[in-house]
Amino acid sequence: MDARLPAHLEVSGLIRSVGADGGFGMVLSKGERDAGTILLVLVHNGVGARVYERMPELDGTRQWRCTRRQDSAHPADFQAYLDRRKAQDRDVWIVELDVAQAERFIGLEPDKG
């Protein structure tokens, strides 16, 4: 039996938690209801975008990892990356969370970069 929380419940919980903290969350792309991959776009006041997704570890767990940061010199590259990921996996959820120190909502230390 898979103990993984259905994607739609996890997304809903993240958006509600961020909202309760004064931030804003929204689904940019709705994926497969139960088992879709979740990509989180974390920003604060609309800047400093970075993408987090769960990556498999050697011990079989899946940990959140930053897989992309927006380059201020080439902002279109960031959206192009999200578009490619969506084209590669129609089941992917893309969720933007706009709140200070957004990493804390996925159990990580705040971003320093």
C-alpha atoms as a PDB file:
ATOM      1  CA  MET A   1       0.000   0.000   0.000  1.00  0.00           C
ATOM      2  CA  ASP A   2       1.286   3.447  -0.959  1.00  0.00           C
ATOM      3  CA  ALA A   3       1.265   5.907   1.954  1.00  0.00           C
ATOM      4  CA  ARG A   4       1.587   8.878  -0.373  1.00  0.00           C
ATOM      5  CA  LEU A   5      -0.981  11.626   0.084  1.00  0.00           C
ATOM      6  CA  PRO A   6      -3.078  12.179  -3.078  1.00  0.00           C
ATOM      7  CA  ALA A   7      -1.676  15.084  -5.088  1.00  0.00           C
ATOM      8  CA  HIS A   8      -4.874  17.149  -5.020  1.00  0.00           C
ATOM      9  CA  LEU A   9      -5.003  16.990  -1.209  1.00  0.00           C
ATOM     10  CA  GLU A  10      -1.348  17.939  -0.830  1.00  0.00           C
ATOM     11  CA  VAL A  11      -1.747  20.871  -3.230  1.00  0.00           C
ATOM     12  CA  SER A  12      -4.886  22.050  -1.453  1.00  0.00           C
ATOM     13  CA  GLY A  13      -3.174  21.816   1.935  1.00  0.00           C
ATOM     14  CA  LEU A  14      -0.145  23.795   0.756  1.00  0.00           C
ATOM     15  CA  ILE A  15      -2.296  26.555  -0.733  1.00  0.00           C
ATOM     16  CA  ARG A  16      -4.419  26.793   2.422  1.00  0.00           C
ATOM     17  CA  SER A  17      -1.365  26.870   4.702  1.00  0.00           C
ATOM     18  CA  VAL A  18       0.280  29.610   2.671  1.00  0.00           C
ATOM     19  CA  GLY A  19      -2.975  31.588   2.618  1.00  0.00           C
ATOM     20  CA  ALA A  20      -3.358  31.276   6.386  1.00  0.00           C
ATOM     21  CA  ASP A  21       0.126  32.784   6.707  1.00  0.00           C
ATOM     22  CA  GLY A  22      -0.780  35.801   4.583  1.00  0.00           C
ATOM     23  CA  GLY A  23       0.655  34.497   1.317  1.00  0.00           C
ATOM     24  CA  PHE A  24      -0.951  33.443  -1.916  1.00  0.00           C
ATOM     25  CA  GLY A  25      -0.993  30.115  -3.690  1.00  0.00           C
ATOM     26  CA  MET A  26      -2.430  29.090  -7.009  1.00  0.00           C
ATOM     27  CA  VAL A  27      -2.493  26.128  -9.344  1.00  0.00           C
ATOM     28  CA  LEU A  28      -0.786  27.028 -12.621  1.00  0.00           C
ATOM     29  CA  SER A  29      -1.331  23.575 -14.120  1.00  0.00           C
ATOM     30  CA  LYS A  30      -3.632  20.903 -12.743  1.00  0.00           C
ATOM     31  CA  GLY A  31      -2.221  17.391 -12.923  1.00  0.00           C
ATOM     32  CA  GLU A  32      -3.402  13.880 -12.195  1.00  0.00           C
ATOM     33  CA  ARG A  33      -5.694  13.980  -9.169  1.00  0.00           C
ATOM     34  CA  ASP A  34      -4.114  11.222  -7.091  1.00  0.00           C
ATOM     35  CA  ALA A  35      -0.599  10.466  -8.285  1.00  0.00           C
ATOM     36  CA  GLY A  36       0.555  13.488 -10.270  1.00  0.00           C
ATOM     37  CA  THR A  37       4.040  14.887  -9.761  1.00  0.00           C
ATOM     38  CA  ILE A  38       4.049  18.248  -7.979  1.00  0.00           C
ATOM     39  CA  LEU A  39       6.343  21.095  -9.029  1.00  0.00           C
ATOM     40  CA  LEU A  40       6.325  24.042  -6.659  1.00  0.00           C
ATOM     41  CA  VAL A  41       7.240  27.499  -7.905  1.00  0.00           C
ATOM     42  CA  LEU A  42       8.267  29.408  -4.794  1.00  0.00           C
ATOM     43  CA  VAL A  43       8.471  33.216  -4.869  1.00  0.00           C
ATOM     44  CA  HIS A  44       8.210  36.143  -2.487  1.00  0.00           C
ATOM     45  CA  ASN A  45       6.334  39.197  -3.749  1.00  0.00           C
ATOM     46  CA  GLY A  46       6.593  37.761  -7.263  1.00  0.00           C
ATOM     47  CA  VAL A  47      10.410  37.657  -7.408  1.00  0.00           C
ATOM     48  CA  GLY A  48      13.166  35.123  -6.811  1.00  0.00           C
ATOM     49  CA  ALA A  49      11.345  32.223  -8.470  1.00  0.00           C
ATOM     50  CA  ARG A  50      12.665  28.738  -7.904  1.00  0.00           C
ATOM     51  CA  VAL A  51      11.233  25.300  -8.680  1.00  0.00           C
ATOM     52  CA  TYR A  52      11.153  22.496  -6.131  1.00  0.00           C
ATOM     53  CA  GLU A  53      10.240  18.908  -6.803  1.00  0.00           C
ATOM     54  CA  ARG A  54      10.662  15.634  -4.984  1.00  0.00           C
ATOM     55  CA  MET A  55      13.651  13.634  -6.087  1.00  0.00           C
ATOM     56  CA  PRO A  56      14.251   9.966  -5.231  1.00  0.00           C
ATOM     57  CA  GLU A  57      17.022   9.316  -2.732  1.00  0.00           C
ATOM     58  CA  LEU A  58      19.206   6.209  -2.402  1.00  0.00           C
ATOM     59  CA  ASP A  59      17.274   5.097   0.686  1.00  0.00           C
ATOM     60  CA  GLY A  60      14.003   5.052  -1.271  1.00  0.00           C
ATOM     61  CA  THR A  61      12.612   8.281   0.176  1.00  0.00           C
ATOM     62  CA  ARG A  62      11.725  11.313  -1.917  1.00  0.00           C
ATOM     63  CA  GLN A  63      13.045  14.685  -0.785  1.00  0.00           C
ATOM     64  CA  TRP A  64      12.235  18.182  -2.023  1.00  0.00           C
ATOM     65  CA  ARG A  65      15.095  19.588  -4.129  1.00  0.00           C
ATOM     66  CA  CYS A  66      15.501  22.907  -5.909  1.00  0.00           C
ATOM     67  CA  THR A  67      15.785  22.009  -9.599  1.00  0.00           C
ATOM     68  CA  ARG A  68      15.674  25.463 -11.210  1.00  0.00           C
ATOM     69  CA  ARG A  69      16.161  29.123 -10.288  1.00  0.00           C
ATOM     70  CA  GLN A  70      14.992  32.041 -12.359  1.00  0.00           C
ATOM     71  CA  ASP A  71      17.859  33.962 -13.925  1.00  0.00           C
ATOM     72  CA  SER A  72      17.008  37.678 -13.859  1.00  0.00           C
ATOM     73  CA  ALA A  73      19.003  38.151 -17.083  1.00  0.00           C
ATOM     74  CA  HIS A  74      16.880  35.522 -18.903  1.00  0.00           C
ATOM     75  CA  PRO A  75      13.454  35.361 -17.223  1.00  0.00           C
ATOM     76  CA  ALA A  76      11.784  33.643 -20.209  1.00  0.00           C
ATOM     77  CA  ASP A  77      14.001  30.572 -19.708  1.00  0.00           C
ATOM     78  CA  PHE A  78      12.230  29.846 -16.419  1.00  0.00           C
ATOM     79  CA  GLN A  79       8.787  29.724 -18.044  1.00  0.00           C
ATOM     80  CA  ALA A  80      10.203  27.689 -20.919  1.00  0.00           C
ATOM     81  CA  TYR A  81      11.445  25.126 -18.373  1.00  0.00           C
ATOM     82  CA  LEU A  82       7.968  24.864 -16.818  1.00  0.00           C
ATOM     83  CA  ASP A  83       6.400  24.529 -20.267  1.00  0.00           C
ATOM     84  CA  ARG A  84       8.814  21.708 -21.174  1.00  0.00           C
ATOM     85  CA  ARG A  85       8.079  19.855 -17.937  1.00  0.00           C
ATOM     86  CA  LYS A  86       4.350  20.150 -18.550  1.00  0.00           C
ATOM     87  CA  ALA A  87       4.760  18.875 -22.135  1.00  0.00           C
ATOM     88  CA  GLN A  88       6.860  15.926 -20.913  1.00  0.00           C
ATOM     89  CA  ASP A  89       4.408  14.926 -18.181  1.00  0.00           C
ATOM     90  CA  ARG A  90       0.712  15.704 -18.661  1.00  0.00           C
ATOM     91  CA  ASP A  91       0.063  14.520 -15.074  1.00  0.00           C
ATOM     92  CA  VAL A  92       2.262  17.195 -13.474  1.00  0.00           C
ATOM     93  CA  TRP A  93       0.878  19.802 -11.093  1.00  0.00           C
ATOM     94  CA  ILE A  94       2.556  23.206 -11.207  1.00  0.00           C
ATOM     95  CA  VAL A  95       1.743  25.246  -8.114  1.00  0.00           C
ATOM     96  CA  GLU A  96       2.972  28.732  -7.280  1.00  0.00           C
ATOM     97  CA  LEU A  97       3.358  29.726  -3.635  1.00  0.00           C
ATOM     98  CA  ASP A  98       4.049  33.407  -3.038  1.00  0.00           C
ATOM     99  CA  VAL A  99       5.030  33.896   0.585  1.00  0.00           C
ATOM    100  CA  ALA A 100       8.107  34.793   2.623  1.00  0.00           C
ATOM    101  CA  GLN A 101      10.425  31.855   3.314  1.00  0.00           C
ATOM    102  CA  ALA A 102       8.226  29.483   1.315  1.00  0.00           C
ATOM    103  CA  GLU A 103      10.550  26.505   1.823  1.00  0.00           C
ATOM    104  CA  ARG A 104       9.298  26.155   5.391  1.00  0.00           C
ATOM    105  CA  PHE A 105       5.975  24.887   4.020  1.00  0.00           C
ATOM    106  CA  ILE A 106       7.744  21.826   2.605  1.00  0.00           C
ATOM    107  CA  GLY A 107       9.963  21.243   5.620  1.00  0.00           C
ATOM    108  CA  LEU A 108      13.125  22.926   4.336  1.00  0.00           C
ATOM    109  CA  GLU A 109      15.271  25.796   5.543  1.00  0.00           C
ATOM    110  CA  PRO A 110      14.525  29.148   3.900  1.00  0.00           C
ATOM    111  CA  ASP A 111      16.286  29.792   0.599  1.00  0.00           C
ATOM    112  CA  LYS A 112      19.558  31.682   0.905  1.00  0.00           C
ATOM    113  CA  GLY A 113      20.225  32.123  -2.796  1.00  0.00           C
END
